[in-house]
């Protein structure tokens, strides 16, 4: 009986330990997810992940802007200058996030004024993030050298050569007296009269 109680106690303690570890890991994951920059801890409460307040909304906008810039930078290895720009953008976003936490604790008119000022700065961060994304996309686009035709120009030249060849084949067939419906035949040309004999040969029956 004592052994059974001890076993039950061990199972309960183990279950409690697993629950505590799970809660700790979950809380840690939420705190990390709540960061503006993945590499820098934030003082923003985890409730800001979904809270409707002004500070929480601006906090999430900063997170989104940094995510957009980092993702765009990762897709443009041929544009290393974007790395420095994104790093500086993250620093600014983290600093603004710190001010947001402080301003969210200020009540009344003064708090609203601070939030309005910070909102303007957040918009600037979003604009820079959008610019980084655009530059990254442009760096991956195929570049056309000056004076060099594009793929569409090459296709147009091929079609011109094919059309010229078609006319040449039609002229050769006509000169050779080939009167048949050819896939290269020009439909605008008059159909020859097959009843008319060659020059110098009389029609049958005309003696």
Protein backbone atom coordinates (compact mmCIF):
# COMPACT_ATOMS: atom_id res chain seq x y z
CA UNK A 1 0.00 0.00 0.00
CA UNK A 2 2.78 2.40 0.90
CA UNK A 3 4.55 1.59 -2.32
CA UNK A 4 1.39 2.37 -4.30
CA UNK A 5 1.03 5.73 -2.59
CA UNK A 6 4.65 6.55 -3.29
CA UNK A 7 4.19 5.62 -6.95
CA UNK A 8 1.10 7.80 -7.22
CA UNK A 9 2.94 10.65 -5.54
CA UNK A 10 5.84 10.33 -7.99
CA UNK A 11 3.44 10.34 -10.95
CA UNK A 12 1.68 13.44 -9.64
CA UNK A 13 4.96 15.25 -9.02
CA UNK A 14 6.16 14.30 -12.49
CA UNK A 15 2.91 15.55 -14.03
CA UNK A 16 3.14 18.83 -12.12
CA UNK A 17 6.76 19.21 -13.22
CA UNK A 18 5.83 18.65 -16.85
CA UNK A 19 3.02 21.19 -16.57
CA UNK A 20 5.34 23.78 -15.04
CA UNK A 21 7.95 23.17 -17.76
CA UNK A 22 5.27 23.43 -20.43
CA UNK A 23 3.97 26.71 -19.04
CA UNK A 24 7.49 28.10 -18.77
CA UNK A 25 8.30 27.15 -22.36
CA UNK A 26 4.99 28.56 -23.56
CA UNK A 27 5.56 31.84 -21.74
CA UNK A 28 9.07 32.02 -23.14
CA UNK A 29 7.80 31.42 -26.67
CA UNK A 30 5.20 34.18 -26.25
CA UNK A 31 7.80 36.62 -24.95
CA UNK A 32 10.05 35.84 -27.89
CA UNK A 33 7.20 36.16 -30.33
CA UNK A 34 6.35 39.52 -28.80
CA UNK A 35 9.78 40.95 -29.60
CA UNK A 36 10.07 43.67 -32.22
CA UNK A 37 13.50 42.33 -33.11
CA UNK A 38 14.07 38.57 -32.67
CA UNK A 39 17.49 39.32 -31.22
CA UNK A 40 16.45 41.91 -28.60
CA UNK A 41 14.21 41.32 -25.58
CA UNK A 42 11.28 43.68 -25.09
CA UNK A 43 9.58 45.15 -22.04
CA UNK A 44 6.24 45.17 -23.84
CA UNK A 45 3.68 42.95 -22.09
CA UNK A 46 2.75 39.74 -23.88
CA UNK A 47 -0.85 40.93 -23.85
CA UNK A 48 0.18 43.35 -26.59
CA UNK A 49 0.18 40.41 -28.98
CA UNK A 50 -3.56 40.96 -29.30
CA UNK A 51 -4.55 43.92 -27.11
CA UNK A 52 -6.58 46.69 -28.84
CA UNK A 53 -4.86 49.66 -27.18
CA UNK A 54 -2.91 52.29 -29.10
CA UNK A 55 0.43 51.21 -27.68
CA UNK A 56 -0.24 47.55 -28.49
CA UNK A 57 -1.25 48.35 -32.08
CA UNK A 58 1.86 50.44 -32.69
CA UNK A 59 3.96 47.68 -31.11
CA UNK A 60 2.55 45.10 -33.54
CA UNK A 61 3.12 47.42 -36.48
CA UNK A 62 6.77 47.71 -35.51
CA UNK A 63 7.04 43.92 -35.31
CA UNK A 64 5.49 43.57 -38.76
CA UNK A 65 7.75 46.22 -40.30
CA UNK A 66 10.89 44.55 -38.98
CA UNK A 67 9.67 41.14 -40.16
CA UNK A 68 9.03 42.49 -43.65
CA UNK A 69 12.47 44.10 -43.86
CA UNK A 70 14.29 41.02 -42.55
CA UNK A 71 12.43 38.70 -44.93
CA UNK A 72 13.13 40.93 -47.91
CA UNK A 73 16.80 41.24 -46.96
CA UNK A 74 17.11 37.46 -46.73
CA UNK A 75 15.89 37.06 -50.31
CA UNK A 76 18.47 39.50 -51.71
CA UNK A 77 21.96 38.07 -51.08
CA UNK A 78 23.23 40.09 -54.03
CA UNK A 79 22.40 43.35 -52.19
CA UNK A 80 24.52 43.32 -49.00
CA UNK A 81 23.92 47.04 -48.46
CA UNK A 82 20.38 46.16 -47.43
CA UNK A 83 21.74 44.31 -44.39
CA UNK A 84 23.10 47.52 -42.86
CA UNK A 85 19.87 49.33 -43.66
CA UNK A 86 17.78 46.61 -42.05
CA UNK A 87 20.02 46.51 -38.97
CA UNK A 88 19.64 50.25 -38.50
CA UNK A 89 15.89 49.93 -39.00
CA UNK A 90 15.71 47.30 -36.25
CA UNK A 91 17.61 49.53 -33.83
CA UNK A 92 15.19 52.37 -34.45
CA UNK A 93 12.18 50.06 -34.08
CA UNK A 94 13.48 48.64 -30.78
CA UNK A 95 14.07 52.15 -29.44
CA UNK A 96 10.56 53.21 -30.43
CA UNK A 97 9.13 50.12 -28.78
CA UNK A 98 10.81 51.09 -25.50
CA UNK A 99 9.26 54.55 -25.72
CA UNK A 100 5.87 52.99 -26.47
CA UNK A 101 5.98 50.98 -23.24
CA UNK A 102 6.76 54.12 -21.26
CA UNK A 103 4.19 56.28 -23.06
CA UNK A 104 1.46 53.68 -22.56
CA UNK A 105 1.70 54.30 -18.80
CA UNK A 106 1.13 58.05 -19.18
CA UNK A 107 -2.52 58.98 -18.69
CA UNK A 108 -4.55 61.84 -20.08
CA UNK A 109 -3.71 64.38 -22.74
CA UNK A 110 0.04 64.05 -22.28
CA UNK A 111 -0.12 60.33 -22.98
CA UNK A 112 -2.15 60.89 -26.14
CA UNK A 113 0.32 63.50 -27.38
CA UNK A 114 3.23 61.12 -26.86
CA UNK A 115 1.37 58.33 -28.65
CA UNK A 116 0.61 60.59 -31.61
CA UNK A 117 4.29 61.53 -31.90
CA UNK A 118 5.37 57.90 -31.69
CA UNK A 119 2.78 56.92 -34.31
CA UNK A 120 4.48 59.27 -36.78
CA UNK A 121 7.82 57.59 -36.10
CA UNK A 122 6.25 54.16 -36.54
CA UNK A 123 4.95 55.21 -39.96
CA UNK A 124 8.49 56.20 -40.95
CA UNK A 125 9.75 52.77 -39.91
CA UNK A 126 7.04 51.17 -42.05
CA UNK A 127 8.02 53.32 -45.02
CA UNK A 128 11.67 52.30 -44.71
CA UNK A 129 10.68 48.63 -44.41
CA UNK A 130 8.58 48.97 -47.56
CA UNK A 131 11.53 50.59 -49.35
CA UNK A 132 13.83 47.75 -48.29
CA UNK A 133 11.33 45.27 -49.68
CA UNK A 134 11.18 47.15 -52.98
CA UNK A 135 14.96 47.39 -53.28
CA UNK A 136 15.30 43.68 -52.53
CA UNK A 137 12.81 42.83 -55.27
CA UNK A 138 14.58 45.10 -57.76
CA UNK A 139 17.95 43.51 -56.97
CA UNK A 140 16.55 40.11 -57.92
CA UNK A 141 14.97 41.27 -61.21
CA UNK A 142 16.87 40.38 -64.43
CA UNK A 143 18.90 43.35 -65.57
CA UNK A 144 18.98 44.30 -69.27
CA UNK A 145 22.25 45.86 -70.41
CA UNK A 146 22.06 49.10 -72.33
CA UNK A 147 21.69 48.39 -76.03
CA UNK A 148 20.89 44.72 -75.49
CA UNK A 149 17.49 43.48 -76.57
CA UNK A 150 15.07 41.74 -74.27
CA UNK A 151 13.59 38.26 -74.76
CA UNK A 152 10.55 39.84 -76.43
CA UNK A 153 12.83 41.59 -78.93
CA UNK A 154 14.49 38.26 -79.76
CA UNK A 155 11.09 36.64 -80.28
CA UNK A 156 10.00 39.45 -82.58
CA UNK A 157 13.16 39.03 -84.68
CA UNK A 158 12.52 35.28 -84.96
CA UNK A 159 8.97 35.91 -86.15
CA UNK A 160 10.24 38.40 -88.75
CA UNK A 161 12.73 35.84 -90.07
CA UNK A 162 10.00 33.19 -90.25
CA UNK A 163 7.71 35.52 -92.19
CA UNK A 164 10.51 36.36 -94.63
CA UNK A 165 11.23 32.66 -95.16
CA UNK A 166 7.55 32.01 -95.84
CA UNK A 167 7.48 34.61 -98.61
CA UNK A 168 10.67 33.24 -100.14
CA UNK A 169 9.22 29.71 -100.26
CA UNK A 170 6.05 31.04 -101.88
CA UNK A 171 8.04 32.87 -104.57
CA UNK A 172 10.15 29.79 -105.32
CA UNK A 173 7.04 27.62 -105.69
CA UNK A 174 5.38 30.13 -108.00
CA UNK A 175 8.48 30.49 -110.18
CA UNK A 176 8.76 26.70 -110.47
CA UNK A 177 5.17 26.41 -111.67
CA UNK A 178 4.08 24.49 -108.60
CA UNK A 179 0.37 25.08 -108.32
CA UNK A 180 -0.74 23.43 -105.14
CA UNK A 181 -2.17 24.47 -101.86
CA UNK A 182 0.95 24.96 -99.81
CA UNK A 183 1.05 25.74 -96.10
CA UNK A 184 3.33 28.57 -97.12
CA UNK A 185 1.10 29.79 -99.92
CA UNK A 186 0.07 33.41 -99.86
CA UNK A 187 -3.76 33.51 -99.77
CA UNK A 188 -3.73 37.00 -101.34
CA UNK A 189 -2.22 35.73 -104.55
CA UNK A 190 -4.57 34.88 -107.43
CA UNK A 191 -5.10 31.15 -108.03
CA UNK A 192 -3.60 30.15 -111.39
CA UNK A 193 -5.89 28.84 -114.14
CA UNK A 194 -4.97 25.17 -114.44
CA UNK A 195 -6.94 24.87 -117.70
CA UNK A 196 -4.64 27.29 -119.48
CA UNK A 197 -1.81 25.41 -121.25
CA UNK A 198 1.79 26.48 -121.02
CA UNK A 199 2.92 29.14 -123.48
CA UNK A 200 3.37 27.76 -126.99
CA UNK A 201 1.14 24.70 -126.47
CA UNK A 202 -2.33 24.54 -128.02
CA UNK A 203 -5.39 23.45 -126.15
CA UNK A 204 -6.44 19.84 -126.82
CA UNK A 205 -8.96 19.56 -129.60
CA UNK A 206 -7.86 22.76 -131.39
CA UNK A 207 -6.23 21.40 -134.51
